[in-house]
Amino acid sequence: MKRMADVGEVALLRRLCRRLPGRPDVTVGAGDDCAVVRPDKRVAFDWLLTSDPVIEGIHFTSGTPLAGVGHKALGRVLSDIAAMGGEPLWALVDVVAPPDRPARLLDDLYRGINRLARRTGTAIAGGDLSAGTSLELHVFGVGRVPAGKAALRSGARPGDRIAVTGRLGGSIGGRHLRFAPRLREGAWLRRHATAMIDLSDGLATDLRRVMEASRVGAVLEGESLPVSPDARRLADARRTALDHALFDGEDFELLVTLPAGRANRIMAEWKRTQRTPLTLIGTVTDRVGRLELQSPEGRRLIDRMAYEHFR
């Protein structure tokens, strides 16, 4: 019998998604950053539904400041909503904790949750508590987007330019606990994007998800990747800064594809109106499933993933 470690997250999700029951009001089901639901065609908005776990030993260590853990738990969900170009509305938070942990643990967690919720206009509408063997937070979020306007992973076309917000790599230095979900940026990019995704599992993995959904390939320009200072500090003989930018997870930036004929105008408008960096890093190709890296030494295939659960 195959173990989950033998199959991996990607194949497991693909298998599960084929079996999920649906309804006519679910316009985009499992497989994107959020599900998109349109319960009433007379309403001007679609609902965005998403959830994410943050688990001790997987997403943070036992000594991590708990306010940062709370920020991260809500921020991951808000980043999914940002990737659809949406506005967050409500969240539910379930906390699982060992019974022998100090009761003030909850105060520390919710200090981080509540601070980010207030900053982004998100109401924490409820949740639950449960005893368990490790500390876990499970957050369910609801947002909205103008009807029919959600940015999906499936719209990229050959020739589109690939761009990314912010800087990449080295989030383990602390950025994964204090990142700002790119909500304002996602709402702006939604008007121009052919596809969009948030970078939670690393550029090399999440770009592949866009490629799979859109049935395209991609070439990344190695010298154009916006490498973070943290990635440069972590670089050593084993891993270069570029390697960290390609394969480190939890950057929570937005990767977007822009129509080739308008990409330069979009970039110029972005620079006039936005503060967050947006960098062109590559091009969508018609070589389905093939991800390549262009460097001064030539072009090579990127044949490994960044992060995948269960592997």
Protein backbone atom coordinates (compact mmCIF):
# COMPACT_ATOMS: atom_id res chain seq x y z
CA MET A 1 0.00 0.00 0.00
CA LYS A 2 1.38 3.41 -0.97
CA ARG A 3 2.03 5.88 1.83
CA MET A 4 1.16 9.56 1.58
CA ALA A 5 4.92 10.22 1.47
CA ASP A 6 5.12 8.06 -1.66
CA VAL A 7 2.36 10.01 -3.41
CA GLY A 8 3.02 13.60 -2.32
CA GLU A 9 0.77 16.60 -1.79
CA VAL A 10 0.24 17.49 -5.45
CA ALA A 11 -0.96 14.04 -6.54
CA LEU A 12 -3.04 13.61 -3.37
CA LEU A 13 -4.86 16.89 -3.96
CA ARG A 14 -5.42 16.04 -7.62
CA ARG A 15 -6.97 12.71 -6.63
CA LEU A 16 -9.19 14.26 -3.95
CA CYS A 17 -10.40 17.09 -6.18
CA ARG A 18 -11.72 14.65 -8.77
CA ARG A 19 -14.10 13.20 -6.15
CA LEU A 20 -15.48 16.34 -4.50
CA PRO A 21 -19.23 16.98 -4.83
CA GLY A 22 -20.17 20.38 -6.21
CA ARG A 23 -23.10 22.73 -6.71
CA PRO A 24 -24.04 25.15 -9.51
CA ASP A 25 -23.24 28.16 -7.29
CA VAL A 26 -19.57 27.10 -6.95
CA THR A 27 -18.04 28.73 -10.02
CA VAL A 28 -14.40 27.86 -9.13
CA GLY A 29 -13.87 24.85 -6.89
CA ALA A 30 -10.79 23.28 -5.35
CA GLY A 31 -7.51 23.91 -7.14
CA ASP A 32 -7.05 27.68 -6.99
CA ASP A 33 -6.00 29.98 -4.14
CA CYS A 34 -9.67 30.36 -3.14
CA ALA A 35 -12.95 28.78 -4.11
CA VAL A 36 -15.30 31.24 -5.84
CA VAL A 37 -19.00 31.06 -5.00
CA ARG A 38 -21.87 33.00 -6.59
CA PRO A 39 -25.00 32.16 -4.56
CA ASP A 40 -27.13 34.91 -6.14
CA LYS A 41 -26.59 36.16 -9.69
CA ARG A 42 -28.30 39.45 -8.80
CA VAL A 43 -25.49 40.33 -6.38
CA ALA A 44 -22.51 42.33 -7.67
CA PHE A 45 -19.90 40.24 -5.79
CA ASP A 46 -18.62 36.68 -5.74
CA TRP A 47 -17.57 35.17 -2.40
CA LEU A 48 -14.02 33.89 -1.93
CA LEU A 49 -13.57 30.94 0.47
CA THR A 50 -10.22 29.65 1.70
CA SER A 51 -8.62 27.90 4.67
CA ASP A 52 -5.11 27.18 5.90
CA PRO A 53 -3.45 25.39 8.84
CA VAL A 54 -0.39 26.53 10.78
CA ILE A 55 1.11 23.61 12.72
CA GLU A 56 3.91 23.49 15.26
CA GLY A 57 6.89 21.62 13.89
CA ILE A 58 5.83 22.25 10.29
CA HIS A 59 5.16 25.99 9.96
CA PHE A 60 6.91 27.19 13.12
CA THR A 61 9.12 25.87 15.90
CA SER A 62 8.29 25.61 19.60
CA GLY A 63 10.27 28.75 20.47
CA THR A 64 8.62 31.02 17.88
CA PRO A 65 6.98 34.19 19.29
CA LEU A 66 3.29 33.40 19.44
CA ALA A 67 2.10 36.81 18.24
CA GLY A 68 4.08 36.08 15.06
CA VAL A 69 2.42 32.66 14.77
CA GLY A 70 -1.00 34.31 15.02
CA HIS A 71 -0.05 36.90 12.40
CA LYS A 72 1.14 34.15 10.09
CA ALA A 73 -1.99 32.03 10.52
CA LEU A 74 -4.33 34.83 9.49
CA GLY A 75 -1.87 36.26 6.97
CA ARG A 76 -1.71 33.02 4.97
CA VAL A 77 -5.47 33.14 4.42
CA LEU A 78 -5.41 36.84 3.55
CA SER A 79 -2.62 36.17 1.06
CA ASP A 80 -4.87 33.64 -0.71
CA ILE A 81 -7.61 36.27 -0.96
CA ALA A 82 -5.06 38.78 -2.27
CA ALA A 83 -4.06 36.32 -5.01
CA MET A 84 -7.65 36.37 -6.31
CA GLY A 85 -7.70 40.17 -6.25
CA GLY A 86 -10.21 40.12 -3.41
CA GLU A 87 -11.18 42.05 -0.29
CA PRO A 88 -11.18 40.14 3.04
CA LEU A 89 -14.34 40.20 5.14
CA TRP A 90 -14.52 37.51 7.85
CA ALA A 91 -12.38 34.77 9.38
CA LEU A 92 -12.95 31.87 11.77
CA VAL A 93 -10.03 30.64 13.87
CA ASP A 94 -9.78 27.16 15.40
CA VAL A 95 -6.97 26.67 17.93
CA VAL A 96 -5.69 23.23 18.97
CA ALA A 97 -3.35 23.23 21.98
CA PRO A 98 -1.84 20.75 24.45
CA PRO A 99 -3.64 21.04 27.82
CA ASP A 100 -0.39 21.62 29.73
CA ARG A 101 0.51 24.83 27.86
CA PRO A 102 0.07 28.16 29.72
CA ALA A 103 -3.36 29.75 29.31
CA ARG A 104 -1.75 33.05 28.27
CA LEU A 105 -0.77 31.28 25.04
CA LEU A 106 -4.14 32.32 23.61
CA ASP A 107 -3.60 35.97 24.52
CA ASP A 108 -0.26 35.94 22.72
CA LEU A 109 -1.64 34.22 19.61
CA TYR A 110 -4.61 36.55 19.35
CA ARG A 111 -2.48 39.63 19.80
CA GLY A 112 -0.96 38.84 16.41
CA ILE A 113 -4.26 37.74 14.86
CA ASN A 114 -6.23 40.79 16.05
CA ARG A 115 -3.57 43.30 15.06
CA LEU A 116 -3.48 42.04 11.44
CA ALA A 117 -7.27 41.71 11.33
CA ARG A 118 -7.75 45.35 12.33
CA ARG A 119 -5.12 46.50 9.86
CA THR A 120 -6.86 44.72 6.96
CA GLY A 121 -10.51 45.29 7.90
CA THR A 122 -11.09 41.61 8.65
CA ALA A 123 -13.63 40.59 11.30
CA ILE A 124 -12.73 37.56 13.42
CA ALA A 125 -16.25 36.18 13.50
CA GLY A 126 -15.64 33.14 15.72
CA GLY A 127 -13.92 29.78 15.85
CA ASP A 128 -13.28 26.98 18.35
CA LEU A 129 -10.79 25.57 20.85
CA SER A 130 -9.71 21.96 21.19
CA ALA A 131 -7.14 19.97 23.12
CA GLY A 132 -4.50 18.20 21.06
CA THR A 133 -0.93 16.93 21.07
CA SER A 134 0.62 19.99 19.34
CA LEU A 135 -0.20 23.66 18.84
CA GLU A 136 -2.20 24.23 15.65
CA LEU A 137 -4.23 27.09 14.18
CA HIS A 138 -6.77 26.45 11.44
CA VAL A 139 -8.14 29.60 9.82
CA PHE A 140 -11.11 29.81 7.44
CA GLY A 141 -11.46 33.08 5.55
CA VAL A 142 -14.17 34.73 3.46
CA GLY A 143 -13.61 37.57 1.04
CA ARG A 144 -15.32 39.09 -1.94
CA VAL A 145 -14.46 40.18 -5.46
CA PRO A 146 -16.57 41.85 -8.19
CA ALA A 147 -18.67 39.16 -9.88
CA GLY A 148 -16.76 37.27 -12.54
CA LYS A 149 -13.53 39.21 -11.90
CA ALA A 150 -11.52 36.87 -9.65
CA ALA A 151 -7.92 36.41 -10.82
CA LEU A 152 -7.35 32.70 -11.45
CA ARG A 153 -4.31 30.52 -12.08
CA SER A 154 -5.67 29.30 -15.40
CA GLY A 155 -5.47 32.35 -17.69
CA ALA A 156 -1.77 32.56 -18.59
CA ARG A 157 -0.99 32.43 -22.33
CA PRO A 158 2.24 31.99 -24.31
CA GLY A 159 3.99 35.34 -24.64
CA ASP A 160 2.65 36.75 -21.37
CA ARG A 161 5.27 38.35 -19.15
CA ILE A 162 5.76 37.00 -15.61
CA ALA A 163 6.13 39.47 -12.73
CA VAL A 164 6.45 39.22 -8.97
CA THR A 165 5.93 41.63 -6.09
CA GLY A 166 8.54 42.27 -3.40
CA ARG A 167 11.70 40.23 -2.84
CA LEU A 168 12.17 36.46 -2.82
CA GLY A 169 13.94 33.93 -0.60
CA GLY A 170 15.16 33.72 2.97
CA SER A 171 11.81 34.16 4.71
CA ILE A 172 13.00 31.81 7.46
CA GLY A 173 15.01 34.77 8.75
CA GLY A 174 11.75 36.08 10.22
CA ARG A 175 9.77 37.51 7.32
CA HIS A 176 7.38 34.53 7.35
CA LEU A 177 6.08 35.81 10.73
CA ARG A 178 5.58 39.47 9.79
CA PHE A 179 4.82 39.64 6.06
CA ALA A 180 2.15 42.03 4.80
CA PRO A 181 -0.49 40.20 2.69
CA ARG A 182 -0.51 41.94 -0.69
CA LEU A 183 -4.21 42.83 -0.63
CA ARG A 184 -3.98 46.31 -2.13
CA GLU A 185 -1.53 45.06 -4.75
CA GLY A 186 -3.71 42.07 -5.64
CA ALA A 187 -6.80 44.24 -6.13
CA TRP A 188 -4.80 46.51 -8.47
CA LEU A 189 -3.25 43.64 -10.43
CA ARG A 190 -6.59 41.86 -10.81
CA ARG A 191 -7.59 44.45 -13.44
CA HIS A 192 -4.61 43.53 -15.63
CA ALA A 193 -3.55 39.97 -14.81
CA THR A 194 -4.12 36.97 -17.02
CA ALA A 195 -3.23 34.71 -14.04
CA MET A 196 -2.16 35.20 -10.42
CA ILE A 197 -1.03 33.12 -7.43
CA ASP A 198 0.56 33.79 -4.06
CA LEU A 199 4.02 32.38 -3.39
CA SER A 200 3.54 30.20 -0.33
CA ASP A 201 5.50 27.09 -1.36
CA GLY A 202 8.29 28.78 -3.32
CA LEU A 203 8.61 30.26 -6.81
CA ALA A 204 9.59 26.99 -8.51
CA THR A 205 6.54 25.18 -7.09
CA ASP A 206 3.88 27.88 -7.32
CA LEU A 207 4.80 28.93 -10.86
CA ARG A 208 4.36 25.28 -11.84
CA ARG A 209 0.80 25.46 -10.47
CA VAL A 210 0.05 28.34 -12.84
CA MET A 211 1.69 26.38 -15.67
CA GLU A 212 -0.42 23.31 -14.94
CA ALA A 213 -3.69 25.23 -14.63
CA SER A 214 -2.99 27.25 -17.80
CA ARG A 215 -1.34 24.40 -19.76
CA VAL A 216 1.77 26.43 -20.57
CA GLY A 217 5.50 26.51 -19.85
CA ALA A 218 7.76 29.30 -18.60
CA VAL A 219 11.27 30.72 -18.81
CA LEU A 220 12.62 32.63 -15.81
CA GLU A 221 15.37 35.22 -16.21
CA GLY A 222 17.81 34.41 -13.42
CA GLU A 223 19.47 37.82 -13.38
CA SER A 224 16.07 39.55 -13.04
CA LEU A 225 14.84 37.68 -9.96
CA PRO A 226 14.45 40.13 -7.03
CA VAL A 227 16.56 38.32 -4.43
CA SER A 228 15.93 39.42 -0.85
CA PRO A 229 18.69 40.58 1.52
CA ASP A 230 17.81 37.60 3.75
CA ALA A 231 18.48 35.20 0.87
CA ARG A 232 21.86 36.84 0.25
CA ARG A 233 22.76 36.50 3.94
CA LEU A 234 21.84 32.80 3.90
CA ALA A 235 23.87 32.06 0.76
CA ASP A 236 26.84 29.73 1.19
CA ALA A 237 28.80 27.11 -0.72
CA ARG A 238 25.83 24.75 -0.65
CA ARG A 239 23.06 27.13 -1.75
CA THR A 240 23.33 30.38 -3.67
CA ALA A 241 21.09 33.40 -3.11
CA LEU A 242 19.40 32.61 -6.43
CA ASP A 243 18.68 29.08 -5.21
CA HIS A 244 16.97 30.51 -2.13
CA ALA A 245 14.88 32.84 -4.32
CA LEU A 246 13.76 29.92 -6.48
CA PHE A 247 13.13 27.28 -3.84
CA ASP A 248 12.49 28.87 -0.42
CA GLY A 249 8.86 28.91 0.65
CA GLU A 250 6.64 31.35 2.51
CA ASP A 251 7.52 34.57 0.69
CA PHE A 252 3.76 35.35 0.41
CA GLU A 253 4.40 37.62 -2.55
CA LEU A 254 2.18 37.67 -5.64
CA LEU A 255 3.23 36.10 -8.93
CA VAL A 256 1.27 37.50 -11.86
CA THR A 257 1.23 37.04 -15.64
CA LEU A 258 0.62 40.13 -17.77
CA PRO A 259 -0.47 40.29 -21.43
CA ALA A 260 2.63 40.78 -23.59
CA GLY A 261 1.29 43.73 -25.58
CA ARG A 262 0.42 45.72 -22.47
CA ALA A 263 3.06 44.59 -19.97
CA ASN A 264 5.31 47.64 -20.34
CA ARG A 265 2.39 50.07 -19.96
CA ILE A 266 1.12 48.17 -16.92
CA MET A 267 4.57 48.27 -15.34
CA ALA A 268 4.85 52.02 -15.98
CA GLU A 269 1.43 52.64 -14.41
CA TRP A 270 2.40 50.46 -11.43
CA LYS A 271 5.54 52.51 -10.80
CA ARG A 272 3.51 55.73 -10.85
CA THR A 273 0.86 54.53 -8.41
CA GLN A 274 2.29 51.79 -6.15
CA ARG A 275 5.07 51.59 -3.58
CA THR A 276 5.66 47.83 -3.51
CA PRO A 277 8.30 46.68 -6.03
CA LEU A 278 6.99 44.75 -9.05
CA THR A 279 9.63 43.04 -11.20
CA LEU A 280 9.40 41.32 -14.59
CA ILE A 281 11.12 37.95 -14.18
CA GLY A 282 10.26 35.85 -17.22
CA THR A 283 7.97 34.83 -20.05
CA VAL A 284 5.21 32.27 -20.50
CA THR A 285 5.93 29.74 -23.29
CA ASP A 286 3.99 27.12 -25.24
CA ARG A 287 6.23 24.29 -23.96
CA VAL A 288 3.60 22.80 -21.65
CA GLY A 289 4.95 21.85 -18.24
CA ARG A 290 8.54 22.89 -19.01
CA LEU A 291 10.10 25.38 -16.56
CA GLU A 292 13.48 26.79 -17.57
CA LEU A 293 16.00 29.25 -16.16
CA GLN A 294 17.89 31.64 -18.43
CA SER A 295 21.30 32.74 -17.15
CA PRO A 296 24.49 34.11 -18.72
CA GLU A 297 25.72 30.50 -18.91
CA GLY A 298 22.71 29.49 -21.00
CA ARG A 299 19.28 27.98 -20.44
CA ARG A 300 18.67 25.01 -18.17
CA LEU A 301 15.68 23.00 -17.04
CA ILE A 302 14.36 23.49 -13.50
CA ASP A 303 13.35 19.93 -12.72
CA ARG A 304 12.76 20.04 -8.98
CA MET A 305 10.03 21.52 -6.83
CA ALA A 306 10.47 23.97 -3.97
CA TYR A 307 8.33 22.62 -1.11
CA GLU A 308 5.74 19.85 -1.19
CA HIS A 309 3.99 18.42 1.89
CA PHE A 310 4.47 14.70 2.62
CA ARG A 311 7.61 14.45 0.47
